[in-house]
Amino acid sequence: MELPSLNLTLQLIGFRVLALLLIAGVQGCAIAGAAVVLGDKGPKYDGRLTISPSGHVDLVGAMGLIIFGLGWTKPVDVEARQLRFGHFGVLLVVLAGFAALLATAALLAALILPALTVLPHTAALTTAAFLRFASSLCIWIGLFSLIPIPPLTGGMLLDTFVAPVPRKARGVIAVLLLVAVAFGFVRQVLAPAHAELATAILGD
């Protein structure tokens, strides 16, 4: 099987980098914030309770997003024993990251019309294109993050409800995920759910 054509342009790369910074900050802060609220102060001491993307960007995940259009953020260390509601608290933390990305997608989509109305023609078209792109990407990454394997956010569910994945194995899994993203397997699996959410949020 051949690697799909990348068709990268400077504008697309720019869109992906900007979206990465936005998504990493929103998702990472939401997950850390939910963990802290539920009783685990660890993410606060780890410097993850911030909207700044610098502490939330994962190198391999960022590579996947910029080159292949889909990736993930740096996992947040959460201790289930510290959380209210125990194991159920971990599920709430995972869902908090997902909900934050859907809310961001809705906000970005809502800004498209004002951008087209207020900004000069060329800037309006470029800004609207980015907002629509980033909104759709928020949905893609939100869904991707729910898959219960590390280093995705959903990997916390596997660690909590089944067994912790060894650190060495996580690196191998990350590479396999990158391959799955590169060949489009992940998008094929998530496409039906993305279509439903995109219809509700973007009106596609």
C-alpha atoms as a PDB file:
ATOM      1  CA  MET A   1       0.000   0.000   0.000  1.00  0.00           C
ATOM      2  CA  GLU A   2       1.347   3.412  -0.979  1.00  0.00           C
ATOM      3  CA  LEU A   3       1.379   6.430   1.248  1.00  0.00           C
ATOM      4  CA  PRO A   4      -1.431   8.833   0.223  1.00  0.00           C
ATOM      5  CA  SER A   5      -0.422  12.055  -1.524  1.00  0.00           C
ATOM      6  CA  LEU A   6       0.229  14.808   1.022  1.00  0.00           C
ATOM      7  CA  ASN A   7      -0.668  17.808  -1.167  1.00  0.00           C
ATOM      8  CA  LEU A   8       0.879  20.220   1.340  1.00  0.00           C
ATOM      9  CA  THR A   9       0.817  23.947   0.677  1.00  0.00           C
ATOM     10  CA  LEU A  10       2.223  26.768   2.773  1.00  0.00           C
ATOM     11  CA  GLN A  11      -1.292  27.886   3.643  1.00  0.00           C
ATOM     12  CA  LEU A  12      -2.324  24.388   4.711  1.00  0.00           C
ATOM     13  CA  ILE A  13       0.791  23.986   6.837  1.00  0.00           C
ATOM     14  CA  GLY A  14       0.119  27.380   8.409  1.00  0.00           C
ATOM     15  CA  PHE A  15      -3.498  26.435   9.111  1.00  0.00           C
ATOM     16  CA  ARG A  16      -2.410  23.166  10.715  1.00  0.00           C
ATOM     17  CA  VAL A  17       0.230  24.804  12.906  1.00  0.00           C
ATOM     18  CA  LEU A  18      -2.181  27.482  14.139  1.00  0.00           C
ATOM     19  CA  ALA A  19      -4.910  24.904  14.739  1.00  0.00           C
ATOM     20  CA  LEU A  20      -2.437  22.682  16.581  1.00  0.00           C
ATOM     21  CA  LEU A  21      -1.508  25.484  18.974  1.00  0.00           C
ATOM     22  CA  LEU A  22      -5.164  26.307  19.618  1.00  0.00           C
ATOM     23  CA  ILE A  23      -6.291  22.705  20.074  1.00  0.00           C
ATOM     24  CA  ALA A  24      -3.334  21.729  22.262  1.00  0.00           C
ATOM     25  CA  GLY A  25      -3.970  24.638  24.610  1.00  0.00           C
ATOM     26  CA  VAL A  26      -7.710  24.088  24.850  1.00  0.00           C
ATOM     27  CA  GLN A  27      -7.666  20.311  25.218  1.00  0.00           C
ATOM     28  CA  GLY A  28      -4.678  20.162  27.562  1.00  0.00           C
ATOM     29  CA  CYS A  29      -6.023  22.888  29.839  1.00  0.00           C
ATOM     30  CA  ALA A  30      -9.506  21.336  29.897  1.00  0.00           C
ATOM     31  CA  ILE A  31      -8.180  17.905  30.860  1.00  0.00           C
ATOM     32  CA  ALA A  32      -5.842  19.319  33.505  1.00  0.00           C
ATOM     33  CA  GLY A  33      -8.581  21.583  34.840  1.00  0.00           C
ATOM     34  CA  ALA A  34     -11.055  18.736  35.129  1.00  0.00           C
ATOM     35  CA  ALA A  35      -8.496  16.614  36.959  1.00  0.00           C
ATOM     36  CA  VAL A  36      -7.707  19.427  39.409  1.00  0.00           C
ATOM     37  CA  VAL A  37     -11.387  20.126  40.055  1.00  0.00           C
ATOM     38  CA  LEU A  38     -11.957  16.433  40.730  1.00  0.00           C
ATOM     39  CA  GLY A  39      -9.154  16.316  43.264  1.00  0.00           C
ATOM     40  CA  ASP A  40      -5.874  15.515  41.498  1.00  0.00           C
ATOM     41  CA  LYS A  41      -3.581  18.537  41.896  1.00  0.00           C
ATOM     42  CA  GLY A  42      -0.776  16.840  39.950  1.00  0.00           C
ATOM     43  CA  PRO A  43      -1.501  18.488  36.566  1.00  0.00           C
ATOM     44  CA  LYS A  44      -1.331  21.902  38.255  1.00  0.00           C
ATOM     45  CA  TYR A  45       2.132  21.161  39.664  1.00  0.00           C
ATOM     46  CA  ASP A  46       3.187  19.687  36.308  1.00  0.00           C
ATOM     47  CA  GLY A  47       2.463  23.020  34.632  1.00  0.00           C
ATOM     48  CA  ARG A  48      -0.434  21.654  32.603  1.00  0.00           C
ATOM     49  CA  LEU A  49      -3.132  23.916  34.031  1.00  0.00           C
ATOM     50  CA  THR A  50      -2.586  26.568  31.361  1.00  0.00           C
ATOM     51  CA  ILE A  51      -4.079  27.549  28.023  1.00  0.00           C
ATOM     52  CA  SER A  52      -0.567  28.051  26.650  1.00  0.00           C
ATOM     53  CA  PRO A  53       0.119  25.294  24.114  1.00  0.00           C
ATOM     54  CA  SER A  54       3.821  25.018  24.978  1.00  0.00           C
ATOM     55  CA  GLY A  55       3.286  22.423  27.700  1.00  0.00           C
ATOM     56  CA  HIS A  56       0.669  20.444  25.802  1.00  0.00           C
ATOM     57  CA  VAL A  57       2.278  19.757  22.413  1.00  0.00           C
ATOM     58  CA  ASP A  58       3.431  16.183  21.765  1.00  0.00           C
ATOM     59  CA  LEU A  59       6.249  15.911  19.207  1.00  0.00           C
ATOM     60  CA  VAL A  60       4.983  12.806  17.399  1.00  0.00           C
ATOM     61  CA  GLY A  61       1.360  13.925  17.613  1.00  0.00           C
ATOM     62  CA  ALA A  62       2.275  17.347  16.236  1.00  0.00           C
ATOM     63  CA  MET A  63       4.170  15.711  13.382  1.00  0.00           C
ATOM     64  CA  GLY A  64       1.101  13.663  12.516  1.00  0.00           C
ATOM     65  CA  LEU A  65      -1.142  16.717  12.518  1.00  0.00           C
ATOM     66  CA  ILE A  66       1.128  18.990  10.494  1.00  0.00           C
ATOM     67  CA  ILE A  67       2.180  16.417   7.895  1.00  0.00           C
ATOM     68  CA  PHE A  68      -0.833  14.098   7.696  1.00  0.00           C
ATOM     69  CA  GLY A  69      -3.650  16.267   9.050  1.00  0.00           C
ATOM     70  CA  LEU A  70      -4.430  14.416  12.279  1.00  0.00           C
ATOM     71  CA  GLY A  71      -2.553  14.037  15.551  1.00  0.00           C
ATOM     72  CA  TRP A  72      -2.751  14.261  19.317  1.00  0.00           C
ATOM     73  CA  THR A  73      -1.560  16.325  22.255  1.00  0.00           C
ATOM     74  CA  LYS A  74       0.757  15.452  25.116  1.00  0.00           C
ATOM     75  CA  PRO A  75      -0.921  13.124  27.633  1.00  0.00           C
ATOM     76  CA  VAL A  76      -1.795  14.584  31.022  1.00  0.00           C
ATOM     77  CA  ASP A  77      -0.692  12.506  34.009  1.00  0.00           C
ATOM     78  CA  VAL A  78      -3.807  11.860  36.078  1.00  0.00           C
ATOM     79  CA  GLU A  79      -3.967   9.730  39.233  1.00  0.00           C
ATOM     80  CA  ALA A  80      -7.301   7.921  39.449  1.00  0.00           C
ATOM     81  CA  ARG A  81      -6.795   7.401  43.203  1.00  0.00           C
ATOM     82  CA  GLN A  82      -6.738  11.158  43.724  1.00  0.00           C
ATOM     83  CA  LEU A  83      -9.964  11.817  41.843  1.00  0.00           C
ATOM     84  CA  ARG A  84     -13.442  12.102  43.270  1.00  0.00           C
ATOM     85  CA  PHE A  85     -15.642   9.280  41.970  1.00  0.00           C
ATOM     86  CA  GLY A  86     -12.561   7.073  41.480  1.00  0.00           C
ATOM     87  CA  HIS A  87     -12.407   5.385  38.102  1.00  0.00           C
ATOM     88  CA  PHE A  88     -15.534   7.242  36.956  1.00  0.00           C
ATOM     89  CA  GLY A  89     -13.602  10.455  37.566  1.00  0.00           C
ATOM     90  CA  VAL A  90     -11.102   9.407  34.886  1.00  0.00           C
ATOM     91  CA  LEU A  91     -13.953   9.056  32.413  1.00  0.00           C
ATOM     92  CA  LEU A  92     -15.130  12.569  33.313  1.00  0.00           C
ATOM     93  CA  VAL A  93     -11.618  13.929  32.713  1.00  0.00           C
ATOM     94  CA  VAL A  94     -11.455  12.295  29.274  1.00  0.00           C
ATOM     95  CA  LEU A  95     -14.906  13.623  28.367  1.00  0.00           C
ATOM     96  CA  ALA A  96     -13.920  17.116  29.544  1.00  0.00           C
ATOM     97  CA  GLY A  97     -11.226  17.264  26.876  1.00  0.00           C
ATOM     98  CA  PHE A  98     -13.673  16.045  24.242  1.00  0.00           C
ATOM     99  CA  ALA A  99     -16.371  18.520  25.298  1.00  0.00           C
ATOM    100  CA  ALA A 100     -13.892  21.406  25.280  1.00  0.00           C
ATOM    101  CA  LEU A 101     -12.924  20.652  21.684  1.00  0.00           C
ATOM    102  CA  LEU A 102     -16.558  20.424  20.573  1.00  0.00           C
ATOM    103  CA  ALA A 103     -17.286  23.748  22.275  1.00  0.00           C
ATOM    104  CA  THR A 104     -14.263  25.263  20.528  1.00  0.00           C
ATOM    105  CA  ALA A 105     -15.464  23.868  17.206  1.00  0.00           C
ATOM    106  CA  ALA A 106     -18.859  25.498  17.737  1.00  0.00           C
ATOM    107  CA  LEU A 107     -17.277  28.836  18.708  1.00  0.00           C
ATOM    108  CA  LEU A 108     -14.995  28.853  15.661  1.00  0.00           C
ATOM    109  CA  ALA A 109     -17.921  28.002  13.393  1.00  0.00           C
ATOM    110  CA  ALA A 110     -19.944  30.849  14.906  1.00  0.00           C
ATOM    111  CA  LEU A 111     -17.142  33.304  14.045  1.00  0.00           C
ATOM    112  CA  ILE A 112     -17.178  32.493  10.329  1.00  0.00           C
ATOM    113  CA  LEU A 113     -20.065  34.784   9.392  1.00  0.00           C
ATOM    114  CA  PRO A 114     -18.768  37.773  11.419  1.00  0.00           C
ATOM    115  CA  ALA A 115     -15.349  37.315   9.801  1.00  0.00           C
ATOM    116  CA  LEU A 116     -16.885  37.385   6.329  1.00  0.00           C
ATOM    117  CA  THR A 117     -18.923  40.437   7.235  1.00  0.00           C
ATOM    118  CA  VAL A 118     -16.367  42.598   9.036  1.00  0.00           C
ATOM    119  CA  LEU A 119     -12.969  41.878   7.475  1.00  0.00           C
ATOM    120  CA  PRO A 120     -11.697  43.052   4.078  1.00  0.00           C
ATOM    121  CA  HIS A 121     -12.394  40.635   1.226  1.00  0.00           C
ATOM    122  CA  THR A 122      -9.109  38.700   1.031  1.00  0.00           C
ATOM    123  CA  ALA A 123      -8.596  38.604   4.793  1.00  0.00           C
ATOM    124  CA  ALA A 124     -12.226  37.588   5.261  1.00  0.00           C
ATOM    125  CA  LEU A 125     -11.933  34.603   2.915  1.00  0.00           C
ATOM    126  CA  THR A 126      -8.667  33.423   4.473  1.00  0.00           C
ATOM    127  CA  THR A 127      -9.927  33.844   8.025  1.00  0.00           C
ATOM    128  CA  ALA A 128     -13.229  32.107   7.273  1.00  0.00           C
ATOM    129  CA  ALA A 129     -11.362  29.227   5.620  1.00  0.00           C
ATOM    130  CA  PHE A 130      -9.152  28.839   8.683  1.00  0.00           C
ATOM    131  CA  LEU A 131     -12.077  28.988  11.102  1.00  0.00           C
ATOM    132  CA  ARG A 132     -13.921  26.311   9.180  1.00  0.00           C
ATOM    133  CA  PHE A 133     -10.780  24.173   8.908  1.00  0.00           C
ATOM    134  CA  ALA A 134      -9.935  24.504  12.609  1.00  0.00           C
ATOM    135  CA  SER A 135     -13.523  23.815  13.633  1.00  0.00           C
ATOM    136  CA  SER A 136     -13.573  20.586  11.644  1.00  0.00           C
ATOM    137  CA  LEU A 137     -10.157  19.616  12.996  1.00  0.00           C
ATOM    138  CA  CYS A 138     -11.348  20.128  16.572  1.00  0.00           C
ATOM    139  CA  ILE A 139     -14.013  17.508  15.895  1.00  0.00           C
ATOM    140  CA  TRP A 140     -11.543  15.099  14.300  1.00  0.00           C
ATOM    141  CA  ILE A 141      -9.067  15.350  17.174  1.00  0.00           C
ATOM    142  CA  GLY A 142     -11.809  15.228  19.787  1.00  0.00           C
ATOM    143  CA  LEU A 143     -13.057  11.939  18.365  1.00  0.00           C
ATOM    144  CA  PHE A 144      -9.544  10.577  17.857  1.00  0.00           C
ATOM    145  CA  SER A 145      -8.688  11.366  21.470  1.00  0.00           C
ATOM    146  CA  LEU A 146     -11.511   9.154  22.742  1.00  0.00           C
ATOM    147  CA  ILE A 147      -9.900   5.983  21.377  1.00  0.00           C
ATOM    148  CA  PRO A 148      -8.766   4.121  24.531  1.00  0.00           C
ATOM    149  CA  ILE A 149      -5.105   3.610  23.700  1.00  0.00           C
ATOM    150  CA  PRO A 150      -2.089   5.672  24.768  1.00  0.00           C
ATOM    151  CA  PRO A 151      -0.779   8.244  24.042  1.00  0.00           C
ATOM    152  CA  LEU A 152      -4.307   9.447  23.251  1.00  0.00           C
ATOM    153  CA  THR A 153      -6.390  10.945  26.054  1.00  0.00           C
ATOM    154  CA  GLY A 154      -8.619   7.883  25.957  1.00  0.00           C
ATOM    155  CA  GLY A 155      -5.562   5.843  26.881  1.00  0.00           C
ATOM    156  CA  MET A 156      -6.251   6.865  30.474  1.00  0.00           C
ATOM    157  CA  LEU A 157      -9.292   4.594  30.335  1.00  0.00           C
ATOM    158  CA  LEU A 158      -7.158   1.609  29.354  1.00  0.00           C
ATOM    159  CA  ASP A 159      -4.642   2.395  32.092  1.00  0.00           C
ATOM    160  CA  THR A 160      -7.414   2.777  34.678  1.00  0.00           C
ATOM    161  CA  PHE A 161      -9.950   0.095  33.818  1.00  0.00           C
ATOM    162  CA  VAL A 162      -7.668  -2.606  32.373  1.00  0.00           C
ATOM    163  CA  ALA A 163      -3.948  -2.263  33.137  1.00  0.00           C
ATOM    164  CA  PRO A 164      -1.243   0.379  32.751  1.00  0.00           C
ATOM    165  CA  VAL A 165       0.605   0.208  29.428  1.00  0.00           C
ATOM    166  CA  PRO A 166       4.408  -0.050  29.909  1.00  0.00           C
ATOM    167  CA  ARG A 167       6.305   3.108  29.029  1.00  0.00           C
ATOM    168  CA  LYS A 168       8.405   1.378  26.366  1.00  0.00           C
ATOM    169  CA  ALA A 169       5.278   0.072  24.667  1.00  0.00           C
ATOM    170  CA  ARG A 170       3.813   3.583  24.493  1.00  0.00           C
ATOM    171  CA  GLY A 171       6.522   4.703  22.087  1.00  0.00           C
ATOM    172  CA  VAL A 172       5.795   1.782  19.775  1.00  0.00           C
ATOM    173  CA  ILE A 173       2.062   2.455  19.929  1.00  0.00           C
ATOM    174  CA  ALA A 174       2.649   6.140  19.085  1.00  0.00           C
ATOM    175  CA  VAL A 175       4.566   5.161  15.959  1.00  0.00           C
ATOM    176  CA  LEU A 176       1.832   2.708  14.943  1.00  0.00           C
ATOM    177  CA  LEU A 177      -0.773   5.433  15.443  1.00  0.00           C
ATOM    178  CA  LEU A 178       1.240   7.753  13.244  1.00  0.00           C
ATOM    179  CA  VAL A 179       1.312   5.087  10.521  1.00  0.00           C
ATOM    180  CA  ALA A 180      -2.457   4.573  10.861  1.00  0.00           C
ATOM    181  CA  VAL A 181      -2.960   8.330  10.506  1.00  0.00           C
ATOM    182  CA  ALA A 182      -0.597   8.561   7.532  1.00  0.00           C
ATOM    183  CA  PHE A 183      -2.468   5.886   5.572  1.00  0.00           C
ATOM    184  CA  GLY A 184      -5.892   7.303   6.414  1.00  0.00           C
ATOM    185  CA  PHE A 185      -7.102   4.371   8.499  1.00  0.00           C
ATOM    186  CA  VAL A 186      -8.050   6.576  11.444  1.00  0.00           C
ATOM    187  CA  ARG A 187     -10.110   8.956   9.324  1.00  0.00           C
ATOM    188  CA  GLN A 188     -11.952   6.030   7.737  1.00  0.00           C
ATOM    189  CA  VAL A 189     -12.970   4.733  11.149  1.00  0.00           C
ATOM    190  CA  LEU A 190     -13.972   8.125  12.543  1.00  0.00           C
ATOM    191  CA  ALA A 191     -15.582   9.536   9.378  1.00  0.00           C
ATOM    192  CA  PRO A 192     -19.215   8.567  10.199  1.00  0.00           C
ATOM    193  CA  ALA A 193     -19.068  10.116  13.682  1.00  0.00           C
ATOM    194  CA  HIS A 194     -17.287  13.187  12.317  1.00  0.00           C
ATOM    195  CA  ALA A 195     -19.944  13.627   9.642  1.00  0.00           C
ATOM    196  CA  GLU A 196     -22.700  13.610  12.266  1.00  0.00           C
ATOM    197  CA  LEU A 197     -20.981  16.124  14.506  1.00  0.00           C
ATOM    198  CA  ALA A 198     -19.910  18.325  11.598  1.00  0.00           C
ATOM    199  CA  THR A 199     -23.524  18.461  10.441  1.00  0.00           C
ATOM    200  CA  ALA A 200     -24.653  19.546  13.887  1.00  0.00           C
ATOM    201  CA  ILE A 201     -21.873  22.078  14.455  1.00  0.00           C
ATOM    202  CA  LEU A 202     -20.860  23.277  10.989  1.00  0.00           C
ATOM    203  CA  GLY A 203     -24.079  22.574   9.129  1.00  0.00           C
ATOM    204  CA  ASP A 204     -22.253  20.318   6.629  1.00  0.00           C
END
